[in-house]
Amino acid sequence: MQPGIKNITTAFQFGHLGRLGMTLLLLTAVLITLFCSTVIFFVIRSQAEKVPHAVLLDADSFMALARYQDADIFMQQALAKYGRQPDLLLRMGCIQSMLADEHAALEDKERCFAAADQLLREAAALNPKELMILWNRALLAFRQAEAYQAAGLTARAQACREEFLSLAQAVGRRRDWQPDLQLHLGLLAESRGDQATAIAHYIAEFNNAPDNATAYQSLQRLRQDQAAARLPMPSWYLDAAGASLLVLLGLGLLHRGWMHQASERSRRHLKEGYHGHQHQTG
């Protein structure tokens, strides 16, 4: 090989190796960067998830006291401080759902429902296995159905009922017993006019949670309604029954009179026979 060609080949080889080395170096740098970013992400996330238990208890206390406006302000501060964590988003979604009751206009209720739905879906995306998020999505659909039914929007109410039923069934498949699940299934059945199914659900709820006052009151109310629904017999039936009773009473009186007359005749015949026998003997 001529010296010139050999030098060109050697230079080419060194240049190729140099480019390969630079490529490997860049790939290594990228991998290191991705690894560091992943570690930092999980470290930050683990630190952000450490929401003090007292914060969650305070939020629950506000909701238990029905102080939803105060709970809303408190949770906004918690979200700003600790980040959009599933436990906080879940409670914020519940609060927005309950705030709908404080509005008379359907548009205002829908705004609260939309905010609640967005918060609960965000919480579900962060923690898909949390059953309480799924259950509260079901409760939200139930409350939407009630609002739409009250507004006369039957089709939209029915769509929300179907969504509730689907989510509630998903909850039932994942947990043998979920408080208030049977109660709401009973309320749904009652809204459809199926009192027998509603009573069965109320009984199931009450058997598992005897302190559930709503289940007990709903069960008692339906049983009272069923007792009141046992209407008296139709008038024509009563008229016929009354006439039959009068006939029977009349026949009874006639029979009694006949028996009395027969008894008197018997006594008279016996008396006459006795006196006749005495006369013959004398």
Protein backbone atom coordinates (compact mmCIF):
# COMPACT_ATOMS: atom_id res chain seq x y z
CA MET A 1 0.00 0.00 0.00
CA GLN A 2 1.31 3.40 -0.88
CA PRO A 3 2.20 5.69 2.01
CA GLY A 4 -0.41 8.28 1.08
CA ILE A 5 -3.23 5.83 0.99
CA LYS A 6 -2.09 4.25 4.26
CA ASN A 7 -2.10 7.60 6.00
CA ILE A 8 -5.63 8.34 4.75
CA THR A 9 -6.89 4.96 5.95
CA THR A 10 -5.31 5.42 9.36
CA ALA A 11 -6.82 8.88 9.71
CA PHE A 12 -10.22 7.57 8.73
CA GLN A 13 -10.01 4.80 11.31
CA PHE A 14 -9.02 7.21 14.05
CA GLY A 15 -11.81 9.58 13.03
CA HIS A 16 -14.37 6.78 13.07
CA LEU A 17 -13.22 5.63 16.50
CA GLY A 18 -13.38 9.19 17.73
CA ARG A 19 -16.96 9.62 16.61
CA LEU A 20 -17.89 6.27 18.16
CA GLY A 21 -16.29 7.29 21.41
CA MET A 22 -18.14 10.59 21.44
CA THR A 23 -21.41 8.79 20.78
CA LEU A 24 -20.81 6.38 23.65
CA LEU A 25 -19.88 9.26 25.89
CA LEU A 26 -23.07 11.12 25.03
CA LEU A 27 -25.19 8.01 25.60
CA THR A 28 -23.54 7.48 28.97
CA ALA A 29 -24.23 11.08 29.92
CA VAL A 30 -27.87 10.73 28.89
CA LEU A 31 -28.30 7.54 30.92
CA ILE A 32 -26.71 9.12 33.97
CA THR A 33 -28.97 12.15 33.60
CA LEU A 34 -32.08 9.97 33.33
CA PHE A 35 -31.03 7.94 36.34
CA CYS A 36 -30.42 11.03 38.43
CA SER A 37 -33.71 12.57 37.32
CA THR A 38 -35.60 9.40 38.26
CA VAL A 39 -33.97 9.28 41.68
CA ILE A 40 -34.70 12.95 42.29
CA PHE A 41 -38.32 12.49 41.15
CA PHE A 42 -38.97 9.63 43.56
CA VAL A 43 -37.19 11.39 46.40
CA ILE A 44 -39.27 14.52 45.90
CA ARG A 45 -42.43 12.47 45.52
CA SER A 46 -41.76 10.46 48.67
CA GLN A 47 -41.16 13.66 50.59
CA ALA A 48 -44.28 15.31 49.16
CA GLU A 49 -46.48 12.34 50.11
CA LYS A 50 -45.65 12.82 53.77
CA VAL A 51 -48.77 14.79 54.53
CA PRO A 52 -49.17 15.02 58.31
CA HIS A 53 -51.96 12.81 59.57
CA ALA A 54 -53.24 15.72 61.62
CA VAL A 55 -53.97 17.62 58.40
CA LEU A 56 -56.18 14.80 57.15
CA LEU A 57 -57.93 14.56 60.51
CA ASP A 58 -58.62 18.30 60.52
CA ALA A 59 -60.12 18.07 57.04
CA ASP A 60 -62.30 15.13 58.11
CA SER A 61 -63.42 17.06 61.18
CA PHE A 62 -64.52 20.03 59.07
CA MET A 63 -66.55 17.70 56.85
CA ALA A 64 -68.07 15.83 59.80
CA LEU A 65 -69.31 19.17 61.15
CA ALA A 66 -70.65 20.11 57.69
CA ARG A 67 -68.34 23.15 57.63
CA TYR A 68 -67.65 22.75 53.94
CA GLN A 69 -66.64 26.34 53.27
CA ASP A 70 -64.02 26.18 56.02
CA ALA A 71 -62.94 22.76 54.78
CA ASP A 72 -62.53 24.15 51.27
CA ILE A 73 -60.24 26.96 52.46
CA PHE A 74 -58.26 24.58 54.66
CA MET A 75 -57.73 22.07 51.85
CA GLN A 76 -56.67 24.73 49.37
CA GLN A 77 -53.93 25.72 51.81
CA ALA A 78 -52.95 22.07 52.30
CA LEU A 79 -52.74 21.48 48.55
CA ALA A 80 -50.57 24.56 48.13
CA LYS A 81 -48.24 23.40 50.89
CA TYR A 82 -48.01 19.63 50.34
CA GLY A 83 -48.80 19.31 46.65
CA ARG A 84 -51.60 17.52 44.84
CA GLN A 85 -51.46 14.27 46.75
CA PRO A 86 -54.18 11.59 46.43
CA ASP A 87 -55.41 11.87 50.04
CA LEU A 88 -55.77 15.63 49.71
CA LEU A 89 -57.39 15.45 46.28
CA LEU A 90 -59.86 12.86 47.56
CA ARG A 91 -61.00 15.09 50.40
CA MET A 92 -61.09 18.16 48.21
CA GLY A 93 -63.30 16.29 45.75
CA CYS A 94 -65.68 15.27 48.53
CA ILE A 95 -65.85 18.86 49.75
CA GLN A 96 -66.68 20.20 46.29
CA SER A 97 -69.40 17.59 45.92
CA MET A 98 -71.00 18.61 49.22
CA LEU A 99 -70.71 22.32 48.42
CA ALA A 100 -73.22 21.72 45.63
CA ASP A 101 -75.96 21.54 48.29
CA GLU A 102 -75.30 25.15 49.24
CA HIS A 103 -76.37 26.36 45.80
CA ALA A 104 -79.92 26.61 44.53
CA ALA A 105 -79.16 27.10 40.83
CA LEU A 106 -78.39 23.98 38.83
CA GLU A 107 -75.54 25.77 37.04
CA ASP A 108 -73.79 26.38 40.36
CA LYS A 109 -74.34 22.78 41.41
CA GLU A 110 -72.89 21.57 38.11
CA ARG A 111 -69.81 23.71 38.62
CA CYS A 112 -69.19 22.06 41.99
CA PHE A 113 -69.84 18.61 40.53
CA ALA A 114 -67.42 19.24 37.67
CA ALA A 115 -64.70 20.37 40.09
CA ALA A 116 -65.31 17.32 42.27
CA ASP A 117 -65.16 14.97 39.30
CA GLN A 118 -61.86 16.44 38.10
CA LEU A 119 -60.31 16.18 41.57
CA LEU A 120 -61.43 12.59 42.11
CA ARG A 121 -60.23 11.50 38.67
CA GLU A 122 -56.87 13.11 39.34
CA ALA A 123 -56.67 11.27 42.66
CA ALA A 124 -57.58 8.00 40.94
CA ALA A 125 -54.84 8.51 38.35
CA LEU A 126 -52.28 8.93 41.13
CA ASN A 127 -53.58 6.04 43.22
CA PRO A 128 -55.73 3.66 41.13
CA LYS A 129 -55.93 1.03 43.88
CA GLU A 130 -57.48 3.30 46.50
CA LEU A 131 -61.02 2.02 46.94
CA MET A 132 -62.31 5.12 48.72
CA ILE A 133 -61.59 7.20 45.62
CA LEU A 134 -63.68 4.82 43.53
CA TRP A 135 -66.48 4.83 46.11
CA ASN A 136 -66.60 8.61 46.29
CA ARG A 137 -66.78 8.79 42.50
CA ALA A 138 -69.84 6.56 42.79
CA LEU A 139 -71.34 8.84 45.46
CA LEU A 140 -70.72 11.84 43.23
CA ALA A 141 -72.66 10.21 40.40
CA PHE A 142 -75.50 9.44 42.83
CA ARG A 143 -75.66 13.05 43.99
CA GLN A 144 -75.63 14.27 40.40
CA ALA A 145 -78.56 11.98 39.61
CA GLU A 146 -80.55 13.45 42.51
CA ALA A 147 -79.83 17.01 41.37
CA TYR A 148 -80.81 16.32 37.77
CA GLN A 149 -83.95 14.46 38.83
CA ALA A 150 -85.00 17.39 41.02
CA ALA A 151 -84.48 19.69 38.04
CA GLY A 152 -86.66 17.48 35.85
CA LEU A 153 -83.75 16.33 33.67
CA THR A 154 -84.75 12.68 33.65
CA ALA A 155 -82.39 11.49 30.92
CA ARG A 156 -79.33 13.02 32.56
CA ALA A 157 -80.42 11.68 35.93
CA GLN A 158 -80.74 8.19 34.46
CA ALA A 159 -77.26 8.42 32.92
CA CYS A 160 -75.82 9.35 36.32
CA ARG A 161 -77.70 6.49 37.98
CA GLU A 162 -76.19 4.04 35.51
CA GLU A 163 -72.74 5.47 36.19
CA PHE A 164 -73.32 5.13 39.93
CA LEU A 165 -74.47 1.53 39.53
CA SER A 166 -71.40 0.65 37.46
CA LEU A 167 -69.00 2.22 39.96
CA ALA A 168 -70.85 0.74 42.95
CA GLN A 169 -70.67 -2.73 41.44
CA ALA A 170 -66.93 -2.24 40.93
CA VAL A 171 -66.63 -1.36 44.61
CA GLY A 172 -68.65 -4.43 45.57
CA ARG A 173 -66.38 -6.69 43.54
CA ARG A 174 -63.32 -5.39 45.36
CA ARG A 175 -64.70 -5.36 48.90
CA ASP A 176 -67.16 -7.69 50.61
CA TRP A 177 -68.66 -4.89 52.67
CA GLN A 178 -68.56 -1.17 51.99
CA PRO A 179 -70.47 1.07 54.43
CA ASP A 180 -73.46 2.83 52.83
CA LEU A 181 -73.17 0.83 49.59
CA GLN A 182 -76.33 -1.22 50.20
CA LEU A 183 -78.08 1.91 51.48
CA HIS A 184 -77.50 3.77 48.22
CA LEU A 185 -78.43 0.73 46.15
CA GLY A 186 -81.68 0.68 48.12
CA LEU A 187 -82.29 4.37 47.47
CA LEU A 188 -81.65 3.75 43.77
CA ALA A 189 -84.11 0.84 43.69
CA GLU A 190 -86.69 2.93 45.55
CA SER A 191 -86.34 5.76 43.02
CA ARG A 192 -87.22 3.21 40.33
CA GLY A 193 -90.30 2.12 42.24
CA ASP A 194 -88.88 -1.30 43.17
CA GLN A 195 -89.76 -1.36 46.85
CA ALA A 196 -89.05 -5.07 47.35
CA THR A 197 -85.46 -4.71 46.13
CA ALA A 198 -85.04 -1.50 48.13
CA ILE A 199 -86.15 -3.24 51.33
CA ALA A 200 -83.69 -6.09 50.69
CA HIS A 201 -80.83 -3.59 50.33
CA TYR A 202 -81.89 -1.67 53.44
CA ILE A 203 -82.01 -4.89 55.45
CA ALA A 204 -78.53 -5.84 54.21
CA GLU A 205 -77.20 -2.42 55.21
CA PHE A 206 -78.88 -2.53 58.61
CA ASN A 207 -77.68 -6.07 59.35
CA ASN A 208 -74.08 -5.05 58.71
CA ALA A 209 -74.38 -1.61 60.30
CA PRO A 210 -77.12 -1.56 62.97
CA ASP A 211 -76.18 2.01 63.87
CA ASN A 212 -77.00 3.26 60.37
CA ALA A 213 -79.99 5.46 61.18
CA THR A 214 -80.72 6.26 57.53
CA ALA A 215 -81.00 2.59 56.61
CA TYR A 216 -83.28 1.92 59.59
CA GLN A 217 -85.52 4.92 58.88
CA SER A 218 -85.75 4.06 55.18
CA LEU A 219 -86.66 0.47 56.02
CA GLN A 220 -89.34 1.53 58.51
CA ARG A 221 -90.76 4.09 56.09
CA LEU A 222 -91.15 1.54 53.30
CA ARG A 223 -92.74 -0.99 55.62
CA GLN A 224 -95.21 1.62 56.83
CA ASP A 225 -95.97 2.55 53.24
CA GLN A 226 -96.60 -1.09 52.42
CA ALA A 227 -98.91 -1.44 55.42
CA ALA A 228 -100.80 1.70 54.40
CA ALA A 229 -101.02 0.42 50.84
CA ARG A 230 -103.12 -2.52 51.98
CA LEU A 231 -106.38 -0.78 51.01
CA PRO A 232 -109.82 -2.02 52.13
CA MET A 233 -111.81 -4.32 49.90
CA PRO A 234 -113.66 -2.81 46.93
CA SER A 235 -117.11 -1.42 47.71
CA TRP A 236 -118.87 -3.98 45.54
CA TYR A 237 -117.15 -6.75 47.45
CA LEU A 238 -118.11 -5.18 50.75
CA ASP A 239 -121.72 -4.76 49.59
CA ALA A 240 -121.88 -8.40 48.56
CA ALA A 241 -120.21 -9.50 51.77
CA GLY A 242 -122.60 -7.36 53.80
CA ALA A 243 -125.62 -8.74 52.01
CA SER A 244 -124.39 -12.27 52.56
CA LEU A 245 -123.88 -11.53 56.23
CA LEU A 246 -127.39 -10.14 56.54
CA VAL A 247 -128.81 -13.22 54.85
CA LEU A 248 -126.86 -15.45 57.20
CA LEU A 249 -128.03 -13.44 60.20
CA GLY A 250 -131.61 -13.65 58.96
CA LEU A 251 -131.36 -17.37 58.45
CA GLY A 252 -129.84 -17.70 61.88
CA LEU A 253 -132.71 -15.80 63.46
CA LEU A 254 -135.27 -17.86 61.55
CA HIS A 255 -133.52 -21.02 62.59
CA ARG A 256 -133.45 -19.85 66.19
CA GLY A 257 -137.15 -19.00 66.06
CA TRP A 258 -137.99 -22.33 64.51
CA MET A 259 -135.94 -24.17 67.11
CA HIS A 260 -137.70 -22.19 69.86
CA GLN A 261 -141.11 -23.08 68.47
CA ALA A 262 -140.13 -26.70 68.11
CA SER A 263 -138.87 -26.74 71.67
CA GLU A 264 -142.13 -25.21 72.94
CA ARG A 265 -144.19 -27.79 71.04
CA SER A 266 -142.06 -30.56 72.44
CA ARG A 267 -142.47 -29.33 75.97
CA ARG A 268 -146.23 -28.94 75.44
CA HIS A 269 -146.56 -32.41 74.04
CA LEU A 270 -144.55 -33.84 76.88
CA LYS A 271 -146.63 -31.94 79.42
CA GLU A 272 -149.90 -33.03 77.84
CA GLY A 273 -148.70 -36.59 77.68
CA TYR A 274 -147.65 -36.53 81.32
CA HIS A 275 -151.03 -35.17 82.47
CA GLY A 276 -152.86 -37.69 80.32
CA HIS A 277 -150.86 -40.48 81.83
CA GLN A 278 -151.68 -39.22 85.31
CA HIS A 279 -155.41 -39.07 84.46
CA GLN A 280 -155.40 -42.59 83.17
CA THR A 281 -153.56 -43.78 86.26
CA GLY A 282 -156.02 -42.06 88.60
